[in-house]
Protein backbone atom coordinates (compact mmCIF):
# COMPACT_ATOMS: atom_id res chain seq x y z
CA MET A 1 12.86 -18.56 7.34
CA ALA A 2 10.89 -15.95 5.41
CA ASP A 3 7.94 -14.22 7.02
CA THR A 4 4.59 -15.23 5.63
CA PRO A 5 2.62 -12.32 4.24
CA LYS A 6 -0.06 -10.89 6.50
CA THR A 7 -3.57 -11.36 5.23
CA ILE A 8 -6.78 -9.50 5.88
CA GLU A 9 -10.34 -10.54 5.15
CA VAL A 10 -12.35 -8.12 3.02
CA ASN A 11 -15.92 -8.28 1.77
CA ILE A 12 -16.86 -7.33 -1.76
CA LEU A 13 -20.42 -7.69 -2.95
CA GLY A 14 -21.21 -9.91 0.02
CA ARG A 15 -18.35 -12.34 -0.52
CA ALA A 16 -15.33 -12.67 1.75
CA TYR A 17 -11.81 -12.63 0.28
CA ARG A 18 -8.43 -13.02 1.96
CA VAL A 19 -5.89 -10.52 0.67
CA ALA A 20 -2.20 -10.15 1.49
CA CYS A 21 -1.64 -6.76 3.07
CA GLU A 22 1.07 -5.12 5.15
CA ASP A 23 0.00 -3.06 8.15
CA ASP A 24 1.00 0.23 6.55
CA GLU A 25 -1.11 -0.55 3.47
CA ARG A 26 -4.29 -1.54 5.32
CA GLU A 27 -6.01 1.86 5.18
CA ALA A 28 -5.41 2.24 1.43
CA LEU A 29 -6.62 -1.32 0.83
CA MET A 30 -9.80 -0.70 2.78
CA ARG A 31 -10.49 2.46 0.73
CA ALA A 32 -9.96 0.45 -2.45
CA VAL A 33 -12.27 -2.31 -1.21
CA ALA A 34 -14.99 0.22 -0.33
CA TYR A 35 -14.64 1.88 -3.74
CA LEU A 36 -14.79 -1.41 -5.63
CA ASP A 37 -17.69 -2.69 -3.54
CA ALA A 38 -19.65 0.51 -4.25
CA LYS A 39 -18.93 0.27 -8.00
CA MET A 40 -19.98 -3.36 -8.12
CA SER A 41 -23.11 -2.68 -6.07
CA ASP A 42 -24.11 0.14 -8.44
CA ILE A 43 -23.62 -2.13 -11.45
CA LYS A 44 -25.56 -4.96 -9.81
CA LYS A 45 -28.52 -2.61 -9.26
CA VAL A 46 -28.81 -1.71 -12.97
CA ALA A 47 -27.56 -4.92 -14.59
CA LYS A 48 -30.31 -6.90 -16.25
CA ALA A 49 -28.43 -10.14 -15.81
CA GLY A 50 -25.06 -10.87 -14.50
CA GLY A 51 -23.14 -12.97 -12.14
CA ALA A 52 -20.31 -11.80 -9.95
CA GLU A 53 -17.76 -12.29 -12.73
CA ARG A 54 -19.66 -10.09 -15.20
CA ILE A 55 -20.18 -7.43 -12.54
CA ALA A 56 -16.47 -7.54 -11.63
CA VAL A 57 -15.43 -7.13 -15.28
CA MET A 58 -17.81 -4.20 -15.76
CA ALA A 59 -16.51 -2.55 -12.57
CA ALA A 60 -12.91 -3.10 -13.73
CA LEU A 61 -13.71 -1.50 -17.08
CA ASN A 62 -15.34 1.49 -15.40
CA ILE A 63 -12.41 1.98 -13.02
CA ALA A 64 -9.86 1.57 -15.84
CA HIS A 65 -11.75 4.17 -17.86
CA GLU A 66 -11.69 6.59 -14.90
CA LEU A 67 -7.95 6.05 -14.46
CA LEU A 68 -7.11 6.50 -18.13
CA THR A 69 -9.30 9.57 -18.44
CA THR A 70 -7.45 11.12 -15.52
CA ARG A 71 -4.00 10.19 -16.83
CA LEU A 72 -4.66 11.29 -20.40
CA GLY A 73 -5.77 14.80 -19.54
CA GLY A 74 -9.52 14.34 -19.59
CA GLY A 75 -9.55 14.66 -15.82
CA PHE A 76 -7.56 15.73 -12.79
CA ASP A 77 -4.00 14.42 -12.51
CA ILE A 78 -3.32 14.11 -8.79
CA GLY A 79 0.37 13.30 -9.33
CA GLN A 80 0.95 16.48 -11.28
CA ALA A 81 -0.96 18.50 -8.68
CA LYS A 82 1.21 17.06 -5.88
CA ARG A 83 4.40 17.91 -7.81
CA ARG A 84 3.21 21.49 -8.34
CA ILE A 85 2.29 21.86 -4.66
CA THR A 86 5.74 20.59 -3.65
CA ALA A 87 7.42 23.09 -6.00
CA ILE A 88 5.30 25.95 -4.62
CA GLU A 89 6.09 24.91 -1.04
CA ALA A 90 9.81 24.94 -1.84
CA LYS A 91 9.53 28.46 -3.28
CA LEU A 92 7.58 29.65 -0.25
CA ASP A 93 10.12 28.11 2.14
CA ALA A 94 12.96 29.84 0.27
CA ALA A 95 11.13 33.19 0.32
CA LEU A 96 10.34 32.87 4.02
CA ALA A 97 13.92 31.91 4.84
CA HIS A 98 15.11 35.05 3.04
CA GLN A 99 12.48 37.09 4.93
CA ASP A 100 13.72 35.77 8.29
CA LYS A 101 17.22 37.09 7.50
CA LEU A 102 15.81 40.61 7.09
CA PHE A 103 14.70 40.82 10.71
């Protein structure tokens, strides 16, 4: 018998939602929920008219724009930065290992 997915209740713009989430993904999900809730709250404050669906679509568009700007070079690419840090760490480890042999 297959395990049923674990669910967690989250609140976005005052509404409760049940979302499937593994224990090791909970912290990342909660950060995403907080980010989305903040985006939607900001849009709700300045929107002249709009229900939850319109606010959600506008938030999705804003977040997609942020993501694409970052990926296409108009912003910071965290993946590339992590790869460069890993490469630098490997070079440092190799240099330090060589240094240890000298003493």
